[in-house]
Amino acid sequence: MENQDVIIRPFDAAADTEKLSGIWLDASLRAHPFIGRPRLLEQRPLIEDEYLPKSETWVACHAGEPVGFISLLGSFIGAIFIEPNWQGQGVGRKLIAHALERKGELSLEVYTRNEQAVRFYAALGFEEVSRRDVDDFGYPFENAVLMLKG
C-alpha cells in the first residue's frame, strides 16, 4: 500500500488512546525485544496516562483507522510507532516529514540495539550528536541522540 492513502490528523484522546497504546506495544515488542514483554507491559500505562496526553501527538490513519503516530515535546520526538504490518510502507517517513514541516528541526533518542530504527533515521538524514549507556528507566540499554535540521 502506498502512503498517499494515509492521512495525518491530531490525536483524539477519547478515540485514540487505547488503539495507539496497542500500536506502541506491538511495535515495541518487535523493535525492543531486549527490554522484555513484562517491562513493556509495565510501561503501557505510562503511555496512556502520561506520554500521550502530555505531548503533541499526530495520528497516521488509513481508511479512518490509526496505523501509526508521532508524539512531540517541542521539537523532540518522544515517540514514533507504526503498526508492524504497516512498517516499511512510508508511514514513518510521512510522520517525520509532517513534524519537520511544523518544527523546522527534530531530535530524538533511539536504542542503538534497534538497528532497523537506526538505519531508518540515518536514511532520513538524522545525525548522531551523543550517546548514553542507560535508558530513561536506568536500564543498561544504550541510547543515541539524533538530530535533523529542516
N, C-alpha and C. Protein backbone atom coordinates (compact mmCIF):
# COMPACT_ATOMS: atom_id res chain seq x y z
N MET A 1 0.83 -1.19 0.00
CA MET A 1 0.00 0.00 0.00
C MET A 1 0.87 1.25 0.00
N GLU A 2 0.44 2.23 -0.71
CA GLU A 2 1.17 3.49 -0.78
C GLU A 2 0.70 4.41 0.34
N ASN A 3 1.60 5.25 0.79
CA ASN A 3 1.24 6.12 1.91
C ASN A 3 0.37 7.29 1.52
N GLN A 4 0.08 7.49 0.22
CA GLN A 4 -0.82 8.59 -0.14
C GLN A 4 -2.24 8.33 0.35
N ASP A 5 -2.55 7.08 0.68
CA ASP A 5 -3.84 6.74 1.26
C ASP A 5 -3.86 7.00 2.76
N VAL A 6 -2.74 7.43 3.32
CA VAL A 6 -2.63 7.69 4.75
C VAL A 6 -2.79 9.19 4.99
N ILE A 7 -3.68 9.52 5.92
CA ILE A 7 -3.84 10.92 6.31
C ILE A 7 -3.31 11.09 7.73
N ILE A 8 -2.87 12.29 8.04
CA ILE A 8 -2.38 12.59 9.38
C ILE A 8 -3.33 13.59 10.01
N ARG A 9 -3.77 13.25 11.21
CA ARG A 9 -4.70 14.11 11.92
C ARG A 9 -4.26 14.24 13.38
N PRO A 10 -4.80 15.26 14.09
CA PRO A 10 -4.45 15.41 15.50
C PRO A 10 -4.99 14.25 16.34
N PHE A 11 -4.33 13.98 17.43
CA PHE A 11 -4.71 12.97 18.42
C PHE A 11 -6.03 13.34 19.08
N ASP A 12 -6.90 12.36 19.23
CA ASP A 12 -8.17 12.50 19.95
C ASP A 12 -8.10 11.52 21.12
N ALA A 13 -7.89 12.04 22.33
CA ALA A 13 -7.65 11.18 23.49
C ALA A 13 -8.74 10.13 23.68
N ALA A 14 -10.00 10.53 23.57
CA ALA A 14 -11.10 9.59 23.81
C ALA A 14 -11.13 8.46 22.79
N ALA A 15 -10.85 8.79 21.54
CA ALA A 15 -10.95 7.79 20.48
C ALA A 15 -9.65 7.02 20.25
N ASP A 16 -8.50 7.62 20.55
CA ASP A 16 -7.22 7.07 20.11
C ASP A 16 -6.36 6.40 21.17
N THR A 17 -6.53 6.74 22.43
CA THR A 17 -5.56 6.31 23.46
C THR A 17 -5.33 4.81 23.46
N GLU A 18 -6.37 4.03 23.55
CA GLU A 18 -6.20 2.57 23.64
C GLU A 18 -5.59 2.00 22.36
N LYS A 19 -6.05 2.47 21.21
CA LYS A 19 -5.52 1.98 19.93
C LYS A 19 -4.03 2.33 19.79
N LEU A 20 -3.66 3.57 20.14
CA LEU A 20 -2.26 3.97 19.99
C LEU A 20 -1.36 3.24 20.98
N SER A 21 -1.85 3.00 22.20
CA SER A 21 -1.01 2.25 23.14
C SER A 21 -0.86 0.81 22.67
N GLY A 22 -1.85 0.28 21.97
CA GLY A 22 -1.72 -1.05 21.36
C GLY A 22 -0.69 -1.07 20.25
N ILE A 23 -0.69 -0.03 19.41
CA ILE A 23 0.33 0.09 18.36
C ILE A 23 1.70 0.20 19.00
N TRP A 24 1.82 1.02 20.05
CA TRP A 24 3.09 1.17 20.77
C TRP A 24 3.57 -0.19 21.28
N LEU A 25 2.67 -0.96 21.90
CA LEU A 25 3.07 -2.24 22.47
C LEU A 25 3.50 -3.22 21.38
N ASP A 26 2.68 -3.36 20.33
CA ASP A 26 3.02 -4.30 19.25
C ASP A 26 4.35 -3.93 18.59
N ALA A 27 4.54 -2.64 18.31
CA ALA A 27 5.78 -2.21 17.66
C ALA A 27 6.97 -2.34 18.61
N SER A 28 6.77 -2.06 19.89
CA SER A 28 7.85 -2.17 20.87
C SER A 28 8.28 -3.62 21.08
N LEU A 29 7.33 -4.53 21.10
CA LEU A 29 7.67 -5.94 21.25
C LEU A 29 8.55 -6.40 20.10
N ARG A 30 8.28 -5.88 18.92
CA ARG A 30 9.08 -6.24 17.74
C ARG A 30 10.44 -5.54 17.73
N ALA A 31 10.44 -4.23 18.05
CA ALA A 31 11.66 -3.43 17.93
C ALA A 31 12.57 -3.53 19.15
N HIS A 32 12.00 -3.81 20.31
CA HIS A 32 12.76 -3.79 21.56
C HIS A 32 12.63 -5.09 22.35
N PRO A 33 12.88 -6.23 21.72
CA PRO A 33 12.74 -7.50 22.45
C PRO A 33 13.70 -7.60 23.63
N PHE A 34 14.81 -6.86 23.59
CA PHE A 34 15.79 -6.87 24.67
C PHE A 34 15.24 -6.27 25.96
N ILE A 35 14.20 -5.43 25.86
CA ILE A 35 13.58 -4.86 27.07
C ILE A 35 12.75 -5.91 27.78
N GLY A 36 12.07 -6.74 26.99
CA GLY A 36 11.27 -7.81 27.56
C GLY A 36 9.80 -7.43 27.71
N ARG A 37 8.94 -8.38 27.42
CA ARG A 37 7.50 -8.16 27.48
C ARG A 37 7.01 -7.67 28.85
N PRO A 38 7.48 -8.26 29.98
CA PRO A 38 6.98 -7.78 31.27
C PRO A 38 7.24 -6.29 31.51
N ARG A 39 8.44 -5.81 31.17
CA ARG A 39 8.74 -4.38 31.37
C ARG A 39 7.90 -3.51 30.43
N LEU A 40 7.72 -3.97 29.20
CA LEU A 40 6.90 -3.19 28.27
C LEU A 40 5.47 -3.11 28.76
N LEU A 41 4.94 -4.20 29.27
CA LEU A 41 3.57 -4.18 29.81
C LEU A 41 3.48 -3.24 31.02
N GLU A 42 4.52 -3.19 31.83
CA GLU A 42 4.55 -2.24 32.95
C GLU A 42 4.54 -0.79 32.46
N GLN A 43 5.18 -0.55 31.32
CA GLN A 43 5.29 0.82 30.79
C GLN A 43 4.02 1.28 30.07
N ARG A 44 3.17 0.35 29.64
CA ARG A 44 1.99 0.72 28.84
C ARG A 44 1.10 1.76 29.54
N PRO A 45 0.82 1.64 30.85
CA PRO A 45 0.00 2.70 31.47
C PRO A 45 0.65 4.08 31.40
N LEU A 46 1.98 4.15 31.42
CA LEU A 46 2.65 5.45 31.26
C LEU A 46 2.35 6.05 29.89
N ILE A 47 2.31 5.21 28.87
CA ILE A 47 1.98 5.68 27.52
C ILE A 47 0.59 6.30 27.52
N GLU A 48 -0.36 5.58 28.11
CA GLU A 48 -1.76 6.03 28.11
C GLU A 48 -2.03 7.22 29.02
N ASP A 49 -1.41 7.22 30.20
CA ASP A 49 -1.76 8.22 31.22
C ASP A 49 -0.84 9.42 31.26
N GLU A 50 0.38 9.28 30.76
CA GLU A 50 1.36 10.36 30.85
C GLU A 50 1.80 10.87 29.48
N TYR A 51 2.40 9.97 28.70
CA TYR A 51 3.05 10.41 27.47
C TYR A 51 2.08 10.93 26.42
N LEU A 52 1.05 10.18 26.09
CA LEU A 52 0.13 10.64 25.05
C LEU A 52 -0.60 11.93 25.44
N PRO A 53 -1.16 12.03 26.64
CA PRO A 53 -1.88 13.26 26.98
C PRO A 53 -0.99 14.50 27.11
N LYS A 54 0.29 14.31 27.41
CA LYS A 54 1.17 15.46 27.66
C LYS A 54 2.00 15.86 26.45
N SER A 55 1.80 15.21 25.31
CA SER A 55 2.59 15.54 24.13
C SER A 55 1.67 16.01 23.00
N GLU A 56 2.29 16.58 21.99
CA GLU A 56 1.60 16.94 20.76
C GLU A 56 1.67 15.71 19.86
N THR A 57 0.55 15.02 19.74
CA THR A 57 0.55 13.75 19.02
C THR A 57 -0.25 13.86 17.74
N TRP A 58 0.33 13.30 16.68
CA TRP A 58 -0.29 13.24 15.37
C TRP A 58 -0.48 11.78 15.00
N VAL A 59 -1.64 11.47 14.44
CA VAL A 59 -2.02 10.09 14.16
C VAL A 59 -2.10 9.87 12.65
N ALA A 60 -1.40 8.84 12.16
CA ALA A 60 -1.49 8.45 10.75
C ALA A 60 -2.62 7.43 10.63
N CYS A 61 -3.56 7.70 9.73
CA CYS A 61 -4.73 6.83 9.58
C CYS A 61 -4.88 6.38 8.14
N HIS A 62 -5.36 5.16 7.98
CA HIS A 62 -5.72 4.61 6.69
C HIS A 62 -7.16 4.14 6.81
N ALA A 63 -8.01 4.62 5.92
CA ALA A 63 -9.45 4.29 5.95
C ALA A 63 -10.02 4.56 7.34
N GLY A 64 -9.58 5.64 7.97
CA GLY A 64 -10.09 6.04 9.26
C GLY A 64 -9.50 5.34 10.46
N GLU A 65 -8.65 4.34 10.24
CA GLU A 65 -8.06 3.57 11.34
C GLU A 65 -6.61 3.98 11.59
N PRO A 66 -6.24 4.23 12.84
CA PRO A 66 -4.85 4.56 13.14
C PRO A 66 -3.90 3.42 12.76
N VAL A 67 -2.81 3.78 12.08
CA VAL A 67 -1.77 2.80 11.72
C VAL A 67 -0.40 3.23 12.26
N GLY A 68 -0.33 4.40 12.87
CA GLY A 68 0.91 4.89 13.45
C GLY A 68 0.71 6.24 14.08
N PHE A 69 1.74 6.69 14.80
CA PHE A 69 1.64 8.01 15.44
C PHE A 69 3.03 8.54 15.75
N ILE A 70 3.08 9.86 15.94
CA ILE A 70 4.29 10.54 16.39
C ILE A 70 3.87 11.48 17.51
N SER A 71 4.65 11.47 18.59
CA SER A 71 4.40 12.34 19.73
C SER A 71 5.58 13.27 19.90
N LEU A 72 5.29 14.56 19.99
CA LEU A 72 6.32 15.59 20.06
C LEU A 72 6.26 16.33 21.39
N LEU A 73 7.44 16.62 21.91
CA LEU A 73 7.60 17.51 23.06
C LEU A 73 8.46 18.65 22.53
N GLY A 74 7.82 19.71 22.08
CA GLY A 74 8.53 20.73 21.33
C GLY A 74 9.00 20.12 20.03
N SER A 75 10.31 20.18 19.77
CA SER A 75 10.85 19.58 18.55
C SER A 75 11.47 18.20 18.81
N PHE A 76 11.29 17.68 20.03
CA PHE A 76 11.80 16.36 20.39
C PHE A 76 10.74 15.31 20.12
N ILE A 77 11.12 14.27 19.38
CA ILE A 77 10.21 13.16 19.11
C ILE A 77 10.25 12.21 20.31
N GLY A 78 9.22 12.27 21.13
CA GLY A 78 9.13 11.40 22.28
C GLY A 78 8.76 9.98 21.89
N ALA A 79 8.04 9.86 20.77
CA ALA A 79 7.61 8.54 20.30
C ALA A 79 7.25 8.63 18.83
N ILE A 80 7.60 7.57 18.12
CA ILE A 80 7.08 7.35 16.77
C ILE A 80 6.97 5.84 16.62
N PHE A 81 5.76 5.38 16.42
CA PHE A 81 5.50 3.95 16.34
C PHE A 81 4.51 3.69 15.21
N ILE A 82 4.80 2.65 14.44
CA ILE A 82 3.98 2.25 13.31
C ILE A 82 3.52 0.82 13.54
N GLU A 83 2.24 0.57 13.26
CA GLU A 83 1.69 -0.79 13.33
C GLU A 83 2.63 -1.71 12.55
N PRO A 84 3.06 -2.84 13.14
CA PRO A 84 4.04 -3.69 12.45
C PRO A 84 3.67 -4.05 11.01
N ASN A 85 2.41 -4.31 10.72
CA ASN A 85 2.01 -4.65 9.35
C ASN A 85 2.14 -3.48 8.39
N TRP A 86 2.29 -2.27 8.91
CA TRP A 86 2.41 -1.07 8.08
C TRP A 86 3.85 -0.57 7.98
N GLN A 87 4.77 -1.17 8.73
CA GLN A 87 6.15 -0.72 8.68
C GLN A 87 6.74 -0.97 7.29
N GLY A 88 7.59 -0.04 6.86
CA GLY A 88 8.22 -0.16 5.55
C GLY A 88 7.37 0.33 4.39
N GLN A 89 6.25 0.99 4.70
CA GLN A 89 5.35 1.47 3.65
C GLN A 89 5.26 2.99 3.59
N GLY A 90 6.19 3.67 4.24
CA GLY A 90 6.25 5.12 4.13
C GLY A 90 5.50 5.90 5.19
N VAL A 91 4.85 5.22 6.12
CA VAL A 91 4.07 5.92 7.15
C VAL A 91 5.00 6.70 8.08
N GLY A 92 6.08 6.07 8.52
CA GLY A 92 7.04 6.76 9.38
C GLY A 92 7.65 7.98 8.71
N ARG A 93 8.02 7.83 7.45
CA ARG A 93 8.57 8.96 6.69
C ARG A 93 7.57 10.11 6.62
N LYS A 94 6.31 9.76 6.41
CA LYS A 94 5.27 10.79 6.30
C LYS A 94 5.08 11.52 7.64
N LEU A 95 5.13 10.77 8.74
CA LEU A 95 5.00 11.39 10.07
C LEU A 95 6.20 12.29 10.37
N ILE A 96 7.41 11.84 10.04
CA ILE A 96 8.61 12.66 10.25
C ILE A 96 8.52 13.93 9.41
N ALA A 97 8.13 13.81 8.15
CA ALA A 97 8.01 14.99 7.28
C ALA A 97 6.98 15.97 7.85
N HIS A 98 5.87 15.47 8.34
CA HIS A 98 4.82 16.29 8.94
C HIS A 98 5.38 17.07 10.14
N ALA A 99 6.11 16.37 11.01
CA ALA A 99 6.68 17.01 12.20
C ALA A 99 7.76 18.01 11.82
N LEU A 100 8.61 17.66 10.87
CA LEU A 100 9.70 18.55 10.46
C LEU A 100 9.15 19.83 9.84
N GLU A 101 8.09 19.72 9.08
CA GLU A 101 7.45 20.89 8.47
C GLU A 101 6.97 21.85 9.55
N ARG A 102 6.47 21.32 10.65
CA ARG A 102 5.94 22.16 11.72
C ARG A 102 7.02 22.72 12.64
N LYS A 103 8.09 21.96 12.85
CA LYS A 103 9.08 22.34 13.86
C LYS A 103 10.38 22.89 13.30
N GLY A 104 10.72 22.58 12.05
CA GLY A 104 11.95 23.09 11.44
C GLY A 104 13.18 22.26 11.74
N GLU A 105 13.20 21.59 12.88
CA GLU A 105 14.25 20.65 13.24
C GLU A 105 13.65 19.64 14.21
N LEU A 106 14.28 18.48 14.28
CA LEU A 106 13.78 17.43 15.16
C LEU A 106 14.96 16.76 15.86
N SER A 107 14.71 16.27 17.06
CA SER A 107 15.68 15.43 17.75
C SER A 107 14.93 14.26 18.36
N LEU A 108 15.68 13.21 18.70
CA LEU A 108 15.09 12.02 19.29
C LEU A 108 16.18 11.19 19.93
N GLU A 109 15.76 10.21 20.71
CA GLU A 109 16.67 9.19 21.22
C GLU A 109 16.20 7.85 20.69
N VAL A 110 17.17 7.00 20.34
CA VAL A 110 16.86 5.68 19.82
C VAL A 110 17.76 4.66 20.50
N TYR A 111 17.18 3.52 20.82
CA TYR A 111 18.01 2.42 21.33
C TYR A 111 18.94 1.98 20.21
N THR A 112 20.24 1.93 20.48
CA THR A 112 21.19 1.56 19.44
C THR A 112 21.02 0.10 19.02
N ARG A 113 20.43 -0.73 19.88
CA ARG A 113 20.19 -2.13 19.51
C ARG A 113 19.01 -2.27 18.55
N ASN A 114 18.23 -1.21 18.37
CA ASN A 114 17.14 -1.22 17.41
C ASN A 114 17.71 -0.81 16.05
N GLU A 115 18.40 -1.75 15.42
CA GLU A 115 19.15 -1.44 14.19
C GLU A 115 18.26 -0.97 13.06
N GLN A 116 17.05 -1.50 12.96
CA GLN A 116 16.13 -1.07 11.90
C GLN A 116 15.82 0.42 12.05
N ALA A 117 15.54 0.86 13.27
CA ALA A 117 15.24 2.28 13.50
C ALA A 117 16.47 3.14 13.25
N VAL A 118 17.64 2.70 13.69
CA VAL A 118 18.86 3.46 13.47
C VAL A 118 19.08 3.67 11.97
N ARG A 119 18.88 2.62 11.17
CA ARG A 119 19.03 2.73 9.70
C ARG A 119 17.97 3.68 9.12
N PHE A 120 16.73 3.58 9.61
CA PHE A 120 15.64 4.44 9.14
C PHE A 120 15.99 5.91 9.36
N TYR A 121 16.42 6.25 10.58
CA TYR A 121 16.73 7.65 10.87
C TYR A 121 17.94 8.13 10.06
N ALA A 122 18.95 7.29 9.89
CA ALA A 122 20.12 7.67 9.09
C ALA A 122 19.71 7.95 7.64
N ALA A 123 18.81 7.13 7.11
CA ALA A 123 18.35 7.32 5.73
C ALA A 123 17.60 8.64 5.57
N LEU A 124 16.99 9.12 6.63
CA LEU A 124 16.27 10.40 6.58
C LEU A 124 17.19 11.60 6.82
N GLY A 125 18.45 11.33 7.16
CA GLY A 125 19.40 12.41 7.36
C GLY A 125 19.65 12.80 8.81
N PHE A 126 19.09 12.06 9.76
CA PHE A 126 19.38 12.34 11.16
C PHE A 126 20.86 12.07 11.41
N GLU A 127 21.47 12.89 12.27
CA GLU A 127 22.87 12.72 12.63
C GLU A 127 22.99 12.53 14.13
N GLU A 128 23.89 11.60 14.53
CA GLU A 128 24.09 11.34 15.95
C GLU A 128 24.86 12.49 16.59
N VAL A 129 24.36 12.93 17.76
CA VAL A 129 25.05 14.00 18.48
C VAL A 129 25.61 13.54 19.82
N SER A 130 25.07 12.45 20.37
CA SER A 130 25.62 11.91 21.62
C SER A 130 25.03 10.53 21.89
N ARG A 131 25.60 9.88 22.92
CA ARG A 131 25.11 8.56 23.36
C ARG A 131 25.11 8.54 24.88
N ARG A 132 24.29 7.67 25.42
CA ARG A 132 24.34 7.39 26.86
C ARG A 132 24.13 5.90 27.07
N ASP A 133 24.67 5.40 28.17
CA ASP A 133 24.70 3.96 28.42
C ASP A 133 23.42 3.38 28.99
N VAL A 134 22.54 4.23 29.52
CA VAL A 134 21.31 3.74 30.15
C VAL A 134 20.10 4.45 29.55
N ASP A 135 18.93 3.78 29.66
CA ASP A 135 17.71 4.41 29.15
C ASP A 135 17.05 5.26 30.25
N ASP A 136 15.87 5.79 29.96
CA ASP A 136 15.18 6.67 30.90
C ASP A 136 14.83 5.99 32.22
N PHE A 137 14.77 4.67 32.21
CA PHE A 137 14.41 3.93 33.41
C PHE A 137 15.64 3.42 34.16
N GLY A 138 16.83 3.79 33.66
CA GLY A 138 18.07 3.38 34.31
C GLY A 138 18.56 2.00 33.91
N TYR A 139 17.93 1.39 32.91
CA TYR A 139 18.36 0.07 32.45
C TYR A 139 19.54 0.20 31.49
N PRO A 140 20.39 -0.80 31.44
CA PRO A 140 21.63 -0.70 30.64
C PRO A 140 21.40 -0.94 29.14
N PHE A 141 20.58 -0.07 28.54
CA PHE A 141 20.31 -0.14 27.11
C PHE A 141 20.78 1.19 26.50
N GLU A 142 21.85 1.10 25.69
CA GLU A 142 22.44 2.31 25.11
C GLU A 142 21.46 3.04 24.21
N ASN A 143 21.46 4.36 24.35
CA ASN A 143 20.64 5.26 23.53
C ASN A 143 21.54 6.22 22.78
N ALA A 144 21.15 6.57 21.57
CA ALA A 144 21.83 7.61 20.81
C ALA A 144 20.86 8.77 20.62
N VAL A 145 21.37 9.97 20.77
CA VAL A 145 20.60 11.18 20.50
C VAL A 145 20.89 11.58 19.05
N LEU A 146 19.82 11.76 18.27
CA LEU A 146 19.94 12.12 16.87
C LEU A 146 19.25 13.44 16.60
N MET A 147 19.73 14.18 15.62
CA MET A 147 19.11 15.45 15.21
C MET A 147 18.96 15.52 13.70
N LEU A 148 17.91 16.24 13.30
CA LEU A 148 17.64 16.51 11.89
C LEU A 148 17.22 17.95 11.75
N LYS A 149 17.88 18.66 10.86
CA LYS A 149 17.50 20.05 10.60
C LYS A 149 16.77 20.12 9.27
N GLY A 150 15.74 20.97 9.25
CA GLY A 150 14.89 21.09 8.06
C GLY A 150 15.52 21.86 6.94
